[in-house]
Amino acid sequence: MNAVVPGATDTDMLYFGLQGQALADRRAELAHEAKAQIPLGRMARTDEIAKAVLWLAGDESAYVTGSHLICDGGLLAKGANTF
């Protein structure tokens, strides 16, 4: 069995219930935190996580088993974090 382990991913669920200025403020806050903490400087896009899932489920990874595919922009490799 394999698993995709996504890091911080920019989805609508992060902003549930927010509108107007509160939404804009939260987006800016998370973008600032991601830039400061994630080595790639941003949160993942949903399509990036989906591509990892497709790869792991496809023929290209036929010999991969018992693995966790970490998709976090380098956050885990960086060490301790608060994101």
PDB file of N, CA and C in Angstrom:
ATOM      1  N   MET A   1       0.847  -1.175   0.000  1.00  0.00           N
ATOM      2  CA  MET A   1       0.000   0.000   0.000  1.00  0.00           C
ATOM      3  C   MET A   1       0.894   1.241   0.000  1.00  0.00           C
ATOM      4  N   ASN A   2       0.502   2.229  -0.745  1.00  0.00           N
ATOM      5  CA  ASN A   2       1.197   3.510  -0.832  1.00  0.00           C
ATOM      6  C   ASN A   2       0.269   4.625  -0.372  1.00  0.00           C
ATOM      7  N   ALA A   3       0.856   5.781  -0.124  1.00  0.00           N
ATOM      8  CA  ALA A   3       0.049   6.937   0.284  1.00  0.00           C
ATOM      9  C   ALA A   3       0.692   8.223  -0.212  1.00  0.00           C
ATOM     10  N   VAL A   4      -0.132   9.162  -0.595  1.00  0.00           N
ATOM     11  CA  VAL A   4       0.320  10.516  -0.889  1.00  0.00           C
ATOM     12  C   VAL A   4       0.075  11.335   0.372  1.00  0.00           C
ATOM     13  N   VAL A   5       1.093  12.060   0.792  1.00  0.00           N
ATOM     14  CA  VAL A   5       1.024  12.859   2.017  1.00  0.00           C
ATOM     15  C   VAL A   5       1.199  14.326   1.627  1.00  0.00           C
ATOM     16  N   PRO A   6       0.090  15.023   1.416  1.00  0.00           N
ATOM     17  CA  PRO A   6       0.206  16.422   0.994  1.00  0.00           C
ATOM     18  C   PRO A   6       0.524  17.338   2.175  1.00  0.00           C
ATOM     19  N   GLY A   7       1.224  18.383   1.867  1.00  0.00           N
ATOM     20  CA  GLY A   7       1.445  19.438   2.845  1.00  0.00           C
ATOM     21  C   GLY A   7       0.349  20.481   2.700  1.00  0.00           C
ATOM     22  N   ALA A   8       0.655  21.687   3.095  1.00  0.00           N
ATOM     23  CA  ALA A   8      -0.309  22.784   3.000  1.00  0.00           C
ATOM     24  C   ALA A   8      -0.726  22.957   1.540  1.00  0.00           C
ATOM     25  N   THR A   9      -2.016  22.860   1.309  1.00  0.00           N
ATOM     26  CA  THR A   9      -2.555  22.939  -0.052  1.00  0.00           C
ATOM     27  C   THR A   9      -3.615  24.027  -0.106  1.00  0.00           C
ATOM     28  N   ASP A  10      -3.492  24.877  -1.089  1.00  0.00           N
ATOM     29  CA  ASP A  10      -4.406  26.007  -1.246  1.00  0.00           C
ATOM     30  C   ASP A  10      -5.739  25.512  -1.807  1.00  0.00           C
ATOM     31  N   THR A  11      -6.710  25.347  -0.909  1.00  0.00           N
ATOM     32  CA  THR A  11      -8.046  24.906  -1.303  1.00  0.00           C
ATOM     33  C   THR A  11      -9.084  25.871  -0.744  1.00  0.00           C
ATOM     34  N   ASP A  12     -10.265  25.813  -1.287  1.00  0.00           N
ATOM     35  CA  ASP A  12     -11.349  26.661  -0.794  1.00  0.00           C
ATOM     36  C   ASP A  12     -11.684  26.382   0.666  1.00  0.00           C
ATOM     37  N   MET A  13     -11.415  25.163   1.126  1.00  0.00           N
ATOM     38  CA  MET A  13     -11.731  24.823   2.515  1.00  0.00           C
ATOM     39  C   MET A  13     -10.931  25.665   3.511  1.00  0.00           C
ATOM     40  N   LEU A  14      -9.766  26.143   3.095  1.00  0.00           N
ATOM     41  CA  LEU A  14      -8.972  27.000   3.980  1.00  0.00           C
ATOM     42  C   LEU A  14      -9.672  28.320   4.281  1.00  0.00           C
ATOM     43  N   TYR A  15     -10.580  28.694   3.427  1.00  0.00           N
ATOM     44  CA  TYR A  15     -11.209  30.010   3.520  1.00  0.00           C
ATOM     45  C   TYR A  15     -12.718  29.906   3.730  1.00  0.00           C
ATOM     46  N   PHE A  16     -13.174  28.734   4.167  1.00  0.00           N
ATOM     47  CA  PHE A  16     -14.605  28.497   4.326  1.00  0.00           C
ATOM     48  C   PHE A  16     -15.239  29.565   5.222  1.00  0.00           C
ATOM     49  N   GLY A  17     -16.305  30.144   4.729  1.00  0.00           N
ATOM     50  CA  GLY A  17     -17.061  31.128   5.494  1.00  0.00           C
ATOM     51  C   GLY A  17     -16.513  32.544   5.429  1.00  0.00           C
ATOM     52  N   LEU A  18     -15.366  32.719   4.809  1.00  0.00           N
ATOM     53  CA  LEU A  18     -14.793  34.065   4.725  1.00  0.00           C
ATOM     54  C   LEU A  18     -15.221  34.745   3.436  1.00  0.00           C
ATOM     55  N   GLN A  19     -15.435  36.037   3.527  1.00  0.00           N
ATOM     56  CA  GLN A  19     -15.820  36.825   2.355  1.00  0.00           C
ATOM     57  C   GLN A  19     -15.143  38.177   2.434  1.00  0.00           C
ATOM     58  N   GLY A  20     -15.114  38.846   1.312  1.00  0.00           N
ATOM     59  CA  GLY A  20     -14.639  40.219   1.271  1.00  0.00           C
ATOM     60  C   GLY A  20     -13.247  40.394   1.834  1.00  0.00           C
ATOM     61  N   GLN A  21     -13.095  41.387   2.692  1.00  0.00           N
ATOM     62  CA  GLN A  21     -11.789  41.728   3.235  1.00  0.00           C
ATOM     63  C   GLN A  21     -11.226  40.619   4.122  1.00  0.00           C
ATOM     64  N   ALA A  22     -12.094  39.923   4.852  1.00  0.00           N
ATOM     65  CA  ALA A  22     -11.623  38.814   5.696  1.00  0.00           C
ATOM     66  C   ALA A  22     -10.991  37.720   4.843  1.00  0.00           C
ATOM     67  N   LEU A  23     -11.572  37.439   3.679  1.00  0.00           N
ATOM     68  CA  LEU A  23     -11.028  36.458   2.760  1.00  0.00           C
ATOM     69  C   LEU A  23      -9.678  36.925   2.218  1.00  0.00           C
ATOM     70  N   ALA A  24      -9.627  38.156   1.781  1.00  0.00           N
ATOM     71  CA  ALA A  24      -8.372  38.711   1.245  1.00  0.00           C
ATOM     72  C   ALA A  24      -7.280  38.710   2.308  1.00  0.00           C
ATOM     73  N   ASP A  25      -7.631  39.067   3.530  1.00  0.00           N
ATOM     74  CA  ASP A  25      -6.653  39.097   4.622  1.00  0.00           C
ATOM     75  C   ASP A  25      -6.105  37.701   4.921  1.00  0.00           C
ATOM     76  N   ARG A  26      -7.000  36.705   4.958  1.00  0.00           N
ATOM     77  CA  ARG A  26      -6.567  35.337   5.254  1.00  0.00           C
ATOM     78  C   ARG A  26      -5.689  34.787   4.146  1.00  0.00           C
ATOM     79  N   ARG A  27      -6.055  35.060   2.887  1.00  0.00           N
ATOM     80  CA  ARG A  27      -5.226  34.614   1.757  1.00  0.00           C
ATOM     81  C   ARG A  27      -3.824  35.217   1.860  1.00  0.00           C
ATOM     82  N   ALA A  28      -3.751  36.498   2.163  1.00  0.00           N
ATOM     83  CA  ALA A  28      -2.464  37.174   2.288  1.00  0.00           C
ATOM     84  C   ALA A  28      -1.661  36.616   3.455  1.00  0.00           C
ATOM     85  N   GLU A  29      -2.336  36.349   4.563  1.00  0.00           N
ATOM     86  CA  GLU A  29      -1.672  35.799   5.744  1.00  0.00           C
ATOM     87  C   GLU A  29      -1.060  34.432   5.449  1.00  0.00           C
ATOM     88  N   LEU A  30      -1.837  33.556   4.825  1.00  0.00           N
ATOM     89  CA  LEU A  30      -1.334  32.220   4.509  1.00  0.00           C
ATOM     90  C   LEU A  30      -0.221  32.264   3.464  1.00  0.00           C
ATOM     91  N   ALA A  31      -0.347  33.148   2.495  1.00  0.00           N
ATOM     92  CA  ALA A  31       0.705  33.290   1.485  1.00  0.00           C
ATOM     93  C   ALA A  31       2.005  33.753   2.142  1.00  0.00           C
ATOM     94  N   HIS A  32       1.911  34.673   3.075  1.00  0.00           N
ATOM     95  CA  HIS A  32       3.089  35.173   3.784  1.00  0.00           C
ATOM     96  C   HIS A  32       3.718  34.052   4.620  1.00  0.00           C
ATOM     97  N   GLU A  33       2.909  33.287   5.340  1.00  0.00           N
ATOM     98  CA  GLU A  33       3.418  32.182   6.148  1.00  0.00           C
ATOM     99  C   GLU A  33       4.077  31.113   5.271  1.00  0.00           C
ATOM    100  N   ALA A  34       3.445  30.799   4.153  1.00  0.00           N
ATOM    101  CA  ALA A  34       4.001  29.796   3.248  1.00  0.00           C
ATOM    102  C   ALA A  34       5.342  30.256   2.688  1.00  0.00           C
ATOM    103  N   LYS A  35       5.423  31.509   2.296  1.00  0.00           N
ATOM    104  CA  LYS A  35       6.674  32.033   1.736  1.00  0.00           C
ATOM    105  C   LYS A  35       7.798  31.967   2.764  1.00  0.00           C
ATOM    106  N   ALA A  36       7.454  32.213   4.017  1.00  0.00           N
ATOM    107  CA  ALA A  36       8.456  32.218   5.077  1.00  0.00           C
ATOM    108  C   ALA A  36       8.869  30.811   5.507  1.00  0.00           C
ATOM    109  N   GLN A  37       7.979  29.843   5.425  1.00  0.00           N
ATOM    110  CA  GLN A  37       8.258  28.532   6.013  1.00  0.00           C
ATOM    111  C   GLN A  37       8.490  27.405   5.018  1.00  0.00           C
ATOM    112  N   ILE A  38       7.824  27.435   3.869  1.00  0.00           N
ATOM    113  CA  ILE A  38       7.928  26.340   2.906  1.00  0.00           C
ATOM    114  C   ILE A  38       9.080  26.637   1.953  1.00  0.00           C
ATOM    115  N   PRO A  39      10.045  25.743   1.818  1.00  0.00           N
ATOM    116  CA  PRO A  39      11.191  26.012   0.954  1.00  0.00           C
ATOM    117  C   PRO A  39      10.829  26.435  -0.472  1.00  0.00           C
ATOM    118  N   LEU A  40       9.763  25.893  -1.043  1.00  0.00           N
ATOM    119  CA  LEU A  40       9.356  26.339  -2.384  1.00  0.00           C
ATOM    120  C   LEU A  40       8.609  27.667  -2.351  1.00  0.00           C
ATOM    121  N   GLY A  41       8.314  28.185  -1.164  1.00  0.00           N
ATOM    122  CA  GLY A  41       7.778  29.530  -1.018  1.00  0.00           C
ATOM    123  C   GLY A  41       6.295  29.702  -1.248  1.00  0.00           C
ATOM    124  N   ARG A  42       5.564  28.588  -1.278  1.00  0.00           N
ATOM    125  CA  ARG A  42       4.116  28.683  -1.505  1.00  0.00           C
ATOM    126  C   ARG A  42       3.452  27.383  -1.114  1.00  0.00           C
ATOM    127  N   MET A  43       2.140  27.436  -0.966  1.00  0.00           N
ATOM    128  CA  MET A  43       1.371  26.216  -0.746  1.00  0.00           C
ATOM    129  C   MET A  43       1.212  25.475  -2.071  1.00  0.00           C
ATOM    130  N   ALA A  44       0.885  24.206  -1.971  1.00  0.00           N
ATOM    131  CA  ALA A  44       0.643  23.400  -3.170  1.00  0.00           C
ATOM    132  C   ALA A  44      -0.674  23.802  -3.813  1.00  0.00           C
ATOM    133  N   ARG A  45      -0.734  23.598  -5.118  1.00  0.00           N
ATOM    134  CA  ARG A  45      -2.003  23.705  -5.836  1.00  0.00           C
ATOM    135  C   ARG A  45      -2.637  22.314  -5.847  1.00  0.00           C
ATOM    136  N   THR A  46      -3.946  22.275  -5.922  1.00  0.00           N
ATOM    137  CA  THR A  46      -4.637  20.981  -5.911  1.00  0.00           C
ATOM    138  C   THR A  46      -4.219  20.099  -7.088  1.00  0.00           C
ATOM    139  N   ASP A  47      -3.957  20.695  -8.231  1.00  0.00           N
ATOM    140  CA  ASP A  47      -3.557  19.888  -9.390  1.00  0.00           C
ATOM    141  C   ASP A  47      -2.194  19.236  -9.170  1.00  0.00           C
ATOM    142  N   GLU A  48      -1.329  19.848  -8.380  1.00  0.00           N
ATOM    143  CA  GLU A  48      -0.026  19.246  -8.096  1.00  0.00           C
ATOM    144  C   GLU A  48      -0.181  17.992  -7.241  1.00  0.00           C
ATOM    145  N   ILE A  49      -1.075  18.052  -6.274  1.00  0.00           N
ATOM    146  CA  ILE A  49      -1.331  16.876  -5.441  1.00  0.00           C
ATOM    147  C   ILE A  49      -2.008  15.791  -6.278  1.00  0.00           C
ATOM    148  N   ALA A  50      -2.946  16.188  -7.123  1.00  0.00           N
ATOM    149  CA  ALA A  50      -3.633  15.221  -7.986  1.00  0.00           C
ATOM    150  C   ALA A  50      -2.655  14.508  -8.913  1.00  0.00           C
ATOM    151  N   LYS A  51      -1.673  15.222  -9.445  1.00  0.00           N
ATOM    152  CA  LYS A  51      -0.675  14.600 -10.325  1.00  0.00           C
ATOM    153  C   LYS A  51       0.157  13.577  -9.570  1.00  0.00           C
ATOM    154  N   ALA A  52       0.464  13.847  -8.312  1.00  0.00           N
ATOM    155  CA  ALA A  52       1.204  12.882  -7.497  1.00  0.00           C
ATOM    156  C   ALA A  52       0.370  11.621  -7.284  1.00  0.00           C
ATOM    157  N   VAL A  53      -0.916  11.804  -7.011  1.00  0.00           N
ATOM    158  CA  VAL A  53      -1.817  10.658  -6.833  1.00  0.00           C
ATOM    159  C   VAL A  53      -1.892   9.847  -8.123  1.00  0.00           C
ATOM    160  N   LEU A  54      -2.042  10.520  -9.260  1.00  0.00           N
ATOM    161  CA  LEU A  54      -2.123   9.821 -10.539  1.00  0.00           C
ATOM    162  C   LEU A  54      -0.846   9.046 -10.834  1.00  0.00           C
ATOM    163  N   TRP A  55       0.305   9.654 -10.535  1.00  0.00           N
ATOM    164  CA  TRP A  55       1.562   8.952 -10.752  1.00  0.00           C
ATOM    165  C   TRP A  55       1.633   7.693  -9.888  1.00  0.00           C
ATOM    166  N   LEU A  56       1.304   7.849  -8.625  1.00  0.00           N
ATOM    167  CA  LEU A  56       1.400   6.720  -7.700  1.00  0.00           C
ATOM    168  C   LEU A  56       0.409   5.616  -8.055  1.00  0.00           C
ATOM    169  N   ALA A  57      -0.707   5.973  -8.658  1.00  0.00           N
ATOM    170  CA  ALA A  57      -1.715   4.987  -9.046  1.00  0.00           C
ATOM    171  C   ALA A  57      -1.471   4.423 -10.445  1.00  0.00           C
ATOM    172  N   GLY A  58      -0.526   5.003 -11.172  1.00  0.00           N
ATOM    173  CA  GLY A  58      -0.312   4.613 -12.557  1.00  0.00           C
ATOM    174  C   GLY A  58       0.767   3.559 -12.755  1.00  0.00           C
ATOM    175  N   ASP A  59       0.953   3.181 -14.000  1.00  0.00           N
ATOM    176  CA  ASP A  59       1.928   2.162 -14.370  1.00  0.00           C
ATOM    177  C   ASP A  59       3.366   2.592 -14.096  1.00  0.00           C
ATOM    178  N   GLU A  60       3.632   3.896 -14.133  1.00  0.00           N
ATOM    179  CA  GLU A  60       4.992   4.390 -13.929  1.00  0.00           C
ATOM    180  C   GLU A  60       5.536   4.058 -12.543  1.00  0.00           C
ATOM    181  N   SER A  61       4.663   3.830 -11.593  1.00  0.00           N
ATOM    182  CA  SER A  61       5.093   3.516 -10.230  1.00  0.00           C
ATOM    183  C   SER A  61       4.809   2.062  -9.870  1.00  0.00           C
ATOM    184  N   ALA A  62       4.761   1.191 -10.874  1.00  0.00           N
ATOM    185  CA  ALA A  62       4.372  -0.204 -10.655  1.00  0.00           C
ATOM    186  C   ALA A  62       5.254  -0.930  -9.641  1.00  0.00           C
ATOM    187  N   TYR A  63       6.495  -0.526  -9.491  1.00  0.00           N
ATOM    188  CA  TYR A  63       7.406  -1.212  -8.578  1.00  0.00           C
ATOM    189  C   TYR A  63       7.568  -0.473  -7.253  1.00  0.00           C
ATOM    190  N   VAL A  64       6.742   0.529  -7.032  1.00  0.00           N
ATOM    191  CA  VAL A  64       6.761   1.288  -5.779  1.00  0.00           C
ATOM    192  C   VAL A  64       5.717   0.686  -4.856  1.00  0.00           C
ATOM    193  N   THR A  65       6.138   0.294  -3.677  1.00  0.00           N
ATOM    194  CA  THR A  65       5.199  -0.266  -2.718  1.00  0.00           C
ATOM    195  C   THR A  65       5.640   0.068  -1.292  1.00  0.00           C
ATOM    196  N   GLY A  66       4.667   0.242  -0.426  1.00  0.00           N
ATOM    197  CA  GLY A  66       4.962   0.554   0.967  1.00  0.00           C
ATOM    198  C   GLY A  66       5.571   1.928   1.152  1.00  0.00           C
ATOM    199  N   SER A  67       5.211   2.860   0.287  1.00  0.00           N
ATOM    200  CA  SER A  67       5.844   4.178   0.305  1.00  0.00           C
ATOM    201  C   SER A  67       4.868   5.291   0.632  1.00  0.00           C
ATOM    202  N   HIS A  68       5.419   6.348   1.170  1.00  0.00           N
ATOM    203  CA  HIS A  68       4.683   7.587   1.392  1.00  0.00           C
ATOM    204  C   HIS A  68       5.313   8.637   0.488  1.00  0.00           C
ATOM    205  N   LEU A  69       4.534   9.171  -0.431  1.00  0.00           N
ATOM    206  CA  LEU A  69       5.014  10.214  -1.331  1.00  0.00           C
ATOM    207  C   LEU A  69       4.671  11.556  -0.701  1.00  0.00           C
ATOM    208  N   ILE A  70       5.675  12.210  -0.142  1.00  0.00           N
ATOM    209  CA  ILE A  70       5.474  13.467   0.564  1.00  0.00           C
ATOM    210  C   ILE A  70       5.495  14.611  -0.446  1.00  0.00           C
ATOM    211  N   CYS A  71       4.418  15.355  -0.489  1.00  0.00           N
ATOM    212  CA  CYS A  71       4.261  16.474  -1.422  1.00  0.00           C
ATOM    213  C   CYS A  71       4.033  17.739  -0.598  1.00  0.00           C
ATOM    214  N   ASP A  72       5.108  18.277  -0.055  1.00  0.00           N
ATOM    215  CA  ASP A  72       4.957  19.406   0.862  1.00  0.00           C
ATOM    216  C   ASP A  72       5.872  20.588   0.546  1.00  0.00           C
ATOM    217  N   GLY A  73       6.407  20.633  -0.653  1.00  0.00           N
ATOM    218  CA  GLY A  73       7.253  21.755  -1.041  1.00  0.00           C
ATOM    219  C   GLY A  73       8.565  21.824  -0.285  1.00  0.00           C
ATOM    220  N   GLY A  74       8.978  20.723   0.337  1.00  0.00           N
ATOM    221  CA  GLY A  74      10.229  20.675   1.068  1.00  0.00           C
ATOM    222  C   GLY A  74      10.109  20.973   2.557  1.00  0.00           C
ATOM    223  N   LEU A  75       8.885  21.153   3.040  1.00  0.00           N
ATOM    224  CA  LEU A  75       8.686  21.535   4.438  1.00  0.00           C
ATOM    225  C   LEU A  75       9.233  20.495   5.413  1.00  0.00           C
ATOM    226  N   LEU A  76       8.959  19.217   5.185  1.00  0.00           N
ATOM    227  CA  LEU A  76       9.432  18.169   6.081  1.00  0.00           C
ATOM    228  C   LEU A  76      10.956  18.088   6.056  1.00  0.00           C
ATOM    229  N   ALA A  77      11.544  18.201   4.882  1.00  0.00           N
ATOM    230  CA  ALA A  77      12.998  18.131   4.761  1.00  0.00           C
ATOM    231  C   ALA A  77      13.687  19.287   5.473  1.00  0.00           C
ATOM    232  N   LYS A  78      13.000  20.396   5.579  1.00  0.00           N
ATOM    233  CA  LYS A  78      13.557  21.590   6.231  1.00  0.00           C
ATOM    234  C   LYS A  78      13.713  21.384   7.727  1.00  0.00           C
ATOM    235  N   GLY A  79      12.845  20.594   8.323  1.00  0.00           N
ATOM    236  CA  GLY A  79      12.908  20.337   9.763  1.00  0.00           C
ATOM    237  C   GLY A  79      11.690  20.888  10.467  1.00  0.00           C
ATOM    238  N   ALA A  80      11.862  21.248  11.732  1.00  0.00           N
ATOM    239  CA  ALA A  80      10.749  21.727  12.540  1.00  0.00           C
ATOM    240  C   ALA A  80      10.077  22.933  11.897  1.00  0.00           C
ATOM    241  N   ASN A  81       8.753  22.944  11.968  1.00  0.00           N
ATOM    242  CA  ASN A  81       7.982  24.026  11.365  1.00  0.00           C
ATOM    243  C   ASN A  81       6.690  24.230  12.153  1.00  0.00           C
ATOM    244  N   THR A  82       6.028  25.315  11.863  1.00  0.00           N
ATOM    245  CA  THR A  82       4.748  25.598  12.508  1.00  0.00           C
ATOM    246  C   THR A  82       3.616  25.761  11.511  1.00  0.00           C
ATOM    247  N   PHE A  83       3.883  25.481  10.249  1.00  0.00           N
ATOM    248  CA  PHE A  83       2.851  25.675   9.224  1.00  0.00           C
ATOM    249  C   PHE A  83       1.832  24.576   9.308  1.00  0.00           C
TER     250      PHE A  83
END
